[in-house]
Every structure is written in C-alpha cells, then in structure tokens.
Amino acid sequence: MVPDPGRGERVLDVVQPAVAHVTADELLAYCRERLAPYKCPRAVDFVLSPPRDLLRETYWRNHETRIV
C-alpha cells in the first residue's frame, strides 16, 4: 500500500522485471482478467533492484501520516 491523497492508501504493484519484457498496461490487464476488481492494483512501478526490507519506507517517505 502506498499513500493516496483521496483514500489514505492504494494498492501499487512493484515489479522487478525478469528476462521477458511486459508493459504496465499488459500486467494490469492480466490482473483484471484473473482477480476481483478490489484486488487489482491501479498502478505499477518497475524497479530493477527493489529494497525488499524498506519498500514501504520508500513510498511513505515525506508523508506526515501513515496508515499501518
């Protein structure tokens, strides 16, 4: 979950790309076909080397409040 000005938090899919290249639109379409609407991310970030232990901190940095 990442900050969202209107809702407090929103789902964000953070993807570490593999050999096969896929676009954000393709990934979101794949999710929409297979998941309930409330489980689908609304956005995708591609990160080459995600900081797995500090991923949440990356998105909540510089925000006054946090929903935990």
PDB file of N, CA and C in Angstrom:
ATOM      1  N   MET A   1       0.830  -1.163   0.000  1.00  0.00           N
ATOM      2  CA  MET A   1       0.000   0.000   0.000  1.00  0.00           C
ATOM      3  C   MET A   1       0.886   1.241   0.000  1.00  0.00           C
ATOM      4  N   VAL A   2       0.468   2.210  -0.774  1.00  0.00           N
ATOM      5  CA  VAL A   2       1.196   3.474  -0.859  1.00  0.00           C
ATOM      6  C   VAL A   2       0.228   4.611  -0.564  1.00  0.00           C
ATOM      7  N   PRO A   3       0.732   5.794  -0.244  1.00  0.00           N
ATOM      8  CA  PRO A   3      -0.157   6.914   0.076  1.00  0.00           C
ATOM      9  C   PRO A   3      -1.050   7.293  -1.099  1.00  0.00           C
ATOM     10  N   ASP A   4      -2.268   7.686  -0.764  1.00  0.00           N
ATOM     11  CA  ASP A   4      -3.210   8.189  -1.759  1.00  0.00           C
ATOM     12  C   ASP A   4      -3.915   9.390  -1.134  1.00  0.00           C
ATOM     13  N   PRO A   5      -3.863  10.545  -1.790  1.00  0.00           N
ATOM     14  CA  PRO A   5      -4.438  11.742  -1.184  1.00  0.00           C
ATOM     15  C   PRO A   5      -5.938  11.642  -0.906  1.00  0.00           C
ATOM     16  N   GLY A   6      -6.672  10.919  -1.713  1.00  0.00           N
ATOM     17  CA  GLY A   6      -8.118  10.840  -1.542  1.00  0.00           C
ATOM     18  C   GLY A   6      -8.594   9.718  -0.647  1.00  0.00           C
ATOM     19  N   ARG A   7      -7.859   8.620  -0.616  1.00  0.00           N
ATOM     20  CA  ARG A   7      -8.322   7.433   0.107  1.00  0.00           C
ATOM     21  C   ARG A   7      -7.427   7.027   1.271  1.00  0.00           C
ATOM     22  N   GLY A   8      -6.316   7.681   1.444  1.00  0.00           N
ATOM     23  CA  GLY A   8      -5.395   7.291   2.507  1.00  0.00           C
ATOM     24  C   GLY A   8      -4.319   6.355   2.003  1.00  0.00           C
ATOM     25  N   GLU A   9      -4.734   5.227   1.419  1.00  0.00           N
ATOM     26  CA  GLU A   9      -3.801   4.261   0.839  1.00  0.00           C
ATOM     27  C   GLU A   9      -4.386   3.707  -0.451  1.00  0.00           C
ATOM     28  N   ARG A  10      -3.501   3.178  -1.312  1.00  0.00           N
ATOM     29  CA  ARG A  10      -3.945   2.490  -2.523  1.00  0.00           C
ATOM     30  C   ARG A  10      -2.971   1.362  -2.826  1.00  0.00           C
ATOM     31  N   VAL A  11      -3.429   0.407  -3.605  1.00  0.00           N
ATOM     32  CA  VAL A  11      -2.598  -0.729  -3.991  1.00  0.00           C
ATOM     33  C   VAL A  11      -1.650  -0.295  -5.104  1.00  0.00           C
ATOM     34  N   LEU A  12      -0.403  -0.657  -4.972  1.00  0.00           N
ATOM     35  CA  LEU A  12       0.595  -0.418  -6.009  1.00  0.00           C
ATOM     36  C   LEU A  12       1.359  -1.710  -6.206  1.00  0.00           C
ATOM     37  N   ASP A  13       1.475  -2.135  -7.418  1.00  0.00           N
ATOM     38  CA  ASP A  13       2.228  -3.345  -7.750  1.00  0.00           C
ATOM     39  C   ASP A  13       3.655  -2.930  -8.067  1.00  0.00           C
ATOM     40  N   VAL A  14       4.612  -3.400  -7.274  1.00  0.00           N
ATOM     41  CA  VAL A  14       6.027  -3.118  -7.516  1.00  0.00           C
ATOM     42  C   VAL A  14       6.628  -4.376  -8.123  1.00  0.00           C
ATOM     43  N   VAL A  15       7.142  -4.246  -9.347  1.00  0.00           N
ATOM     44  CA  VAL A  15       7.585  -5.394 -10.129  1.00  0.00           C
ATOM     45  C   VAL A  15       9.066  -5.287 -10.426  1.00  0.00           C
ATOM     46  N   GLN A  16       9.775  -6.369 -10.175  1.00  0.00           N
ATOM     47  CA  GLN A  16      11.174  -6.467 -10.592  1.00  0.00           C
ATOM     48  C   GLN A  16      11.172  -7.240 -11.906  1.00  0.00           C
ATOM     49  N   PRO A  17      11.455  -6.548 -13.022  1.00  0.00           N
ATOM     50  CA  PRO A  17      11.356  -7.208 -14.328  1.00  0.00           C
ATOM     51  C   PRO A  17      12.343  -8.366 -14.478  1.00  0.00           C
ATOM     52  N   ALA A  18      11.879  -9.402 -15.137  1.00  0.00           N
ATOM     53  CA  ALA A  18      12.726 -10.555 -15.444  1.00  0.00           C
ATOM     54  C   ALA A  18      13.201 -10.427 -16.888  1.00  0.00           C
ATOM     55  N   VAL A  19      13.553 -11.534 -17.490  1.00  0.00           N
ATOM     56  CA  VAL A  19      14.049 -11.528 -18.864  1.00  0.00           C
ATOM     57  C   VAL A  19      12.955 -11.060 -19.830  1.00  0.00           C
ATOM     58  N   ALA A  20      11.744 -11.581 -19.666  1.00  0.00           N
ATOM     59  CA  ALA A  20      10.643 -11.202 -20.555  1.00  0.00           C
ATOM     60  C   ALA A  20      10.178  -9.792 -20.213  1.00  0.00           C
ATOM     61  N   HIS A  21      10.001  -8.987 -21.219  1.00  0.00           N
ATOM     62  CA  HIS A  21       9.556  -7.615 -21.001  1.00  0.00           C
ATOM     63  C   HIS A  21       8.041  -7.552 -21.090  1.00  0.00           C
ATOM     64  N   VAL A  22       7.436  -6.868 -20.149  1.00  0.00           N
ATOM     65  CA  VAL A  22       5.996  -6.679 -20.122  1.00  0.00           C
ATOM     66  C   VAL A  22       5.732  -5.218 -19.770  1.00  0.00           C
ATOM     67  N   THR A  23       4.680  -4.667 -20.342  1.00  0.00           N
ATOM     68  CA  THR A  23       4.343  -3.281 -20.045  1.00  0.00           C
ATOM     69  C   THR A  23       3.389  -3.222 -18.853  1.00  0.00           C
ATOM     70  N   ALA A  24       3.274  -2.054 -18.274  1.00  0.00           N
ATOM     71  CA  ALA A  24       2.349  -1.870 -17.154  1.00  0.00           C
ATOM     72  C   ALA A  24       0.917  -2.166 -17.594  1.00  0.00           C
ATOM     73  N   ASP A  25       0.550  -1.728 -18.779  1.00  0.00           N
ATOM     74  CA  ASP A  25      -0.807  -1.977 -19.287  1.00  0.00           C
ATOM     75  C   ASP A  25      -1.082  -3.471 -19.439  1.00  0.00           C
ATOM     76  N   GLU A  26      -0.103  -4.220 -19.933  1.00  0.00           N
ATOM     77  CA  GLU A  26      -0.274  -5.670 -20.082  1.00  0.00           C
ATOM     78  C   GLU A  26      -0.426  -6.342 -18.720  1.00  0.00           C
ATOM     79  N   LEU A  27       0.363  -5.916 -17.770  1.00  0.00           N
ATOM     80  CA  LEU A  27       0.292  -6.507 -16.431  1.00  0.00           C
ATOM     81  C   LEU A  27      -1.039  -6.189 -15.758  1.00  0.00           C
ATOM     82  N   LEU A  28      -1.503  -4.961 -15.886  1.00  0.00           N
ATOM     83  CA  LEU A  28      -2.789  -4.580 -15.298  1.00  0.00           C
ATOM     84  C   LEU A  28      -3.943  -5.331 -15.971  1.00  0.00           C
ATOM     85  N   ALA A  29      -3.881  -5.511 -17.285  1.00  0.00           N
ATOM     86  CA  ALA A  29      -4.910  -6.273 -17.998  1.00  0.00           C
ATOM     87  C   ALA A  29      -4.919  -7.726 -17.532  1.00  0.00           C
ATOM     88  N   TYR A  30      -3.744  -8.299 -17.322  1.00  0.00           N
ATOM     89  CA  TYR A  30      -3.624  -9.672 -16.824  1.00  0.00           C
ATOM     90  C   TYR A  30      -4.301  -9.789 -15.455  1.00  0.00           C
ATOM     91  N   CYS A  31      -4.051  -8.818 -14.590  1.00  0.00           N
ATOM     92  CA  CYS A  31      -4.652  -8.833 -13.256  1.00  0.00           C
ATOM     93  C   CYS A  31      -6.174  -8.706 -13.341  1.00  0.00           C
ATOM     94  N   ARG A  32      -6.667  -7.810 -14.190  1.00  0.00           N
ATOM     95  CA  ARG A  32      -8.117  -7.605 -14.321  1.00  0.00           C
ATOM     96  C   ARG A  32      -8.835  -8.858 -14.799  1.00  0.00           C
ATOM     97  N   GLU A  33      -8.170  -9.664 -15.625  1.00  0.00           N
ATOM     98  CA  GLU A  33      -8.778 -10.897 -16.136  1.00  0.00           C
ATOM     99  C   GLU A  33      -8.852 -11.986 -15.068  1.00  0.00           C
ATOM    100  N   ARG A  34      -7.969 -11.931 -14.081  1.00  0.00           N
ATOM    101  CA  ARG A  34      -7.842 -13.050 -13.154  1.00  0.00           C
ATOM    102  C   ARG A  34      -8.190 -12.735 -11.699  1.00  0.00           C
ATOM    103  N   LEU A  35      -8.331 -11.451 -11.356  1.00  0.00           N
ATOM    104  CA  LEU A  35      -8.575 -11.072  -9.966  1.00  0.00           C
ATOM    105  C   LEU A  35      -9.870 -10.284  -9.831  1.00  0.00           C
ATOM    106  N   ALA A  36     -10.407 -10.309  -8.628  1.00  0.00           N
ATOM    107  CA  ALA A  36     -11.560  -9.459  -8.328  1.00  0.00           C
ATOM    108  C   ALA A  36     -11.115  -7.999  -8.451  1.00  0.00           C
ATOM    109  N   PRO A  37     -12.009  -7.107  -8.845  1.00  0.00           N
ATOM    110  CA  PRO A  37     -11.626  -5.707  -9.054  1.00  0.00           C
ATOM    111  C   PRO A  37     -10.956  -5.057  -7.843  1.00  0.00           C
ATOM    112  N   TYR A  38     -11.410  -5.377  -6.641  1.00  0.00           N
ATOM    113  CA  TYR A  38     -10.822  -4.744  -5.463  1.00  0.00           C
ATOM    114  C   TYR A  38      -9.408  -5.249  -5.160  1.00  0.00           C
ATOM    115  N   LYS A  39      -8.996  -6.339  -5.776  1.00  0.00           N
ATOM    116  CA  LYS A  39      -7.649  -6.871  -5.572  1.00  0.00           C
ATOM    117  C   LYS A  39      -6.648  -6.398  -6.619  1.00  0.00           C
ATOM    118  N   CYS A  40      -7.127  -5.763  -7.670  1.00  0.00           N
ATOM    119  CA  CYS A  40      -6.249  -5.326  -8.756  1.00  0.00           C
ATOM    120  C   CYS A  40      -5.526  -4.030  -8.405  1.00  0.00           C
ATOM    121  N   PRO A  41      -4.237  -3.976  -8.696  1.00  0.00           N
ATOM    122  CA  PRO A  41      -3.533  -2.703  -8.498  1.00  0.00           C
ATOM    123  C   PRO A  41      -4.009  -1.685  -9.527  1.00  0.00           C
ATOM    124  N   ARG A  42      -3.920  -0.422  -9.165  1.00  0.00           N
ATOM    125  CA  ARG A  42      -4.296   0.643 -10.101  1.00  0.00           C
ATOM    126  C   ARG A  42      -3.078   1.189 -10.819  1.00  0.00           C
ATOM    127  N   ALA A  43      -1.901   0.844 -10.307  1.00  0.00           N
ATOM    128  CA  ALA A  43      -0.662   1.340 -10.909  1.00  0.00           C
ATOM    129  C   ALA A  43       0.438   0.302 -10.709  1.00  0.00           C
ATOM    130  N   VAL A  44       1.474   0.421 -11.520  1.00  0.00           N
ATOM    131  CA  VAL A  44       2.612  -0.495 -11.462  1.00  0.00           C
ATOM    132  C   VAL A  44       3.896   0.322 -11.494  1.00  0.00           C
ATOM    133  N   ASP A  45       4.821  -0.015 -10.617  1.00  0.00           N
ATOM    134  CA  ASP A  45       6.174   0.549 -10.653  1.00  0.00           C
ATOM    135  C   ASP A  45       7.136  -0.566 -11.012  1.00  0.00           C
ATOM    136  N   PHE A  46       7.999  -0.336 -11.989  1.00  0.00           N
ATOM    137  CA  PHE A  46       9.048  -1.299 -12.326  1.00  0.00           C
ATOM    138  C   PHE A  46      10.335  -0.826 -11.656  1.00  0.00           C
ATOM    139  N   VAL A  47      10.923  -1.696 -10.848  1.00  0.00           N
ATOM    140  CA  VAL A  47      12.125  -1.367 -10.093  1.00  0.00           C
ATOM    141  C   VAL A  47      13.158  -2.450 -10.367  1.00  0.00           C
ATOM    142  N   LEU A  48      14.347  -2.060 -10.803  1.00  0.00           N
ATOM    143  CA  LEU A  48      15.386  -3.047 -11.128  1.00  0.00           C
ATOM    144  C   LEU A  48      15.883  -3.790  -9.896  1.00  0.00           C
ATOM    145  N   SER A  49      16.039  -3.092  -8.793  1.00  0.00           N
ATOM    146  CA  SER A  49      16.532  -3.720  -7.576  1.00  0.00           C
ATOM    147  C   SER A  49      15.763  -3.172  -6.379  1.00  0.00           C
ATOM    148  N   PRO A  50      14.585  -3.735  -6.089  1.00  0.00           N
ATOM    149  CA  PRO A  50      13.777  -3.195  -5.006  1.00  0.00           C
ATOM    150  C   PRO A  50      14.404  -3.430  -3.634  1.00  0.00           C
ATOM    151  N   PRO A  51      14.337  -2.432  -2.750  1.00  0.00           N
ATOM    152  CA  PRO A  51      14.828  -2.614  -1.385  1.00  0.00           C
ATOM    153  C   PRO A  51      13.792  -3.398  -0.584  1.00  0.00           C
ATOM    154  N   ARG A  52      13.865  -4.683  -0.605  1.00  0.00           N
ATOM    155  CA  ARG A  52      12.815  -5.532  -0.053  1.00  0.00           C
ATOM    156  C   ARG A  52      12.495  -5.250   1.411  1.00  0.00           C
ATOM    157  N   ASP A  53      13.478  -4.906   2.206  1.00  0.00           N
ATOM    158  CA  ASP A  53      13.211  -4.663   3.618  1.00  0.00           C
ATOM    159  C   ASP A  53      12.722  -3.242   3.887  1.00  0.00           C
ATOM    160  N   LEU A  54      12.908  -2.330   2.941  1.00  0.00           N
ATOM    161  CA  LEU A  54      12.495  -0.938   3.136  1.00  0.00           C
ATOM    162  C   LEU A  54      11.525  -0.464   2.065  1.00  0.00           C
ATOM    163  N   LEU A  55      10.821  -1.368   1.434  1.00  0.00           N
ATOM    164  CA  LEU A  55       9.946  -0.996   0.328  1.00  0.00           C
ATOM    165  C   LEU A  55       8.858  -0.026   0.771  1.00  0.00           C
ATOM    166  N   ARG A  56       8.210  -0.301   1.887  1.00  0.00           N
ATOM    167  CA  ARG A  56       7.157   0.585   2.384  1.00  0.00           C
ATOM    168  C   ARG A  56       7.718   1.968   2.688  1.00  0.00           C
ATOM    169  N   GLU A  57       8.899   2.022   3.303  1.00  0.00           N
ATOM    170  CA  GLU A  57       9.525   3.302   3.639  1.00  0.00           C
ATOM    171  C   GLU A  57       9.777   4.147   2.388  1.00  0.00           C
ATOM    172  N   THR A  58      10.089   3.505   1.291  1.00  0.00           N
ATOM    173  CA  THR A  58      10.362   4.214   0.041  1.00  0.00           C
ATOM    174  C   THR A  58       9.161   5.055  -0.393  1.00  0.00           C
ATOM    175  N   TYR A  59       7.965   4.518  -0.247  1.00  0.00           N
ATOM    176  CA  TYR A  59       6.760   5.211  -0.708  1.00  0.00           C
ATOM    177  C   TYR A  59       6.153   6.140   0.339  1.00  0.00           C
ATOM    178  N   TRP A  60       6.430   5.907   1.610  1.00  0.00           N
ATOM    179  CA  TRP A  60       5.849   6.738   2.667  1.00  0.00           C
ATOM    180  C   TRP A  60       6.783   7.860   3.099  1.00  0.00           C
ATOM    181  N   ARG A  61       7.975   7.923   2.552  1.00  0.00           N
ATOM    182  CA  ARG A  61       8.905   8.996   2.892  1.00  0.00           C
ATOM    183  C   ARG A  61       8.260  10.348   2.576  1.00  0.00           C
ATOM    184  N   ASN A  62       8.483  11.334   3.409  1.00  0.00           N
ATOM    185  CA  ASN A  62       7.975  12.705   3.237  1.00  0.00           C
ATOM    186  C   ASN A  62       6.458  12.824   3.385  1.00  0.00           C
ATOM    187  N   HIS A  63       5.810  11.889   4.080  1.00  0.00           N
ATOM    188  CA  HIS A  63       4.391  11.992   4.385  1.00  0.00           C
ATOM    189  C   HIS A  63       4.233  12.149   5.888  1.00  0.00           C
ATOM    190  N   GLU A  64       3.353  13.046   6.302  1.00  0.00           N
ATOM    191  CA  GLU A  64       3.180  13.306   7.729  1.00  0.00           C
ATOM    192  C   GLU A  64       2.497  12.161   8.450  1.00  0.00           C
ATOM    193  N   THR A  65       1.506  11.535   7.826  1.00  0.00           N
ATOM    194  CA  THR A  65       0.783  10.457   8.483  1.00  0.00           C
ATOM    195  C   THR A  65       0.990   9.164   7.728  1.00  0.00           C
ATOM    196  N   ARG A  66       0.830   8.074   8.448  1.00  0.00           N
ATOM    197  CA  ARG A  66       0.958   6.748   7.840  1.00  0.00           C
ATOM    198  C   ARG A  66      -0.179   5.883   8.362  1.00  0.00           C
ATOM    199  N   ILE A  67      -0.793   5.159   7.485  1.00  0.00           N
ATOM    200  CA  ILE A  67      -1.789   4.160   7.885  1.00  0.00           C
ATOM    201  C   ILE A  67      -1.060   2.840   7.914  1.00  0.00           C
ATOM    202  N   VAL A  68      -1.068   2.193   9.056  1.00  0.00           N
ATOM    203  CA  VAL A  68      -0.327   0.945   9.193  1.00  0.00           C
ATOM    204  C   VAL A  68      -1.287  -0.211   9.343  1.00  0.00           C
TER     205      VAL A  68
END
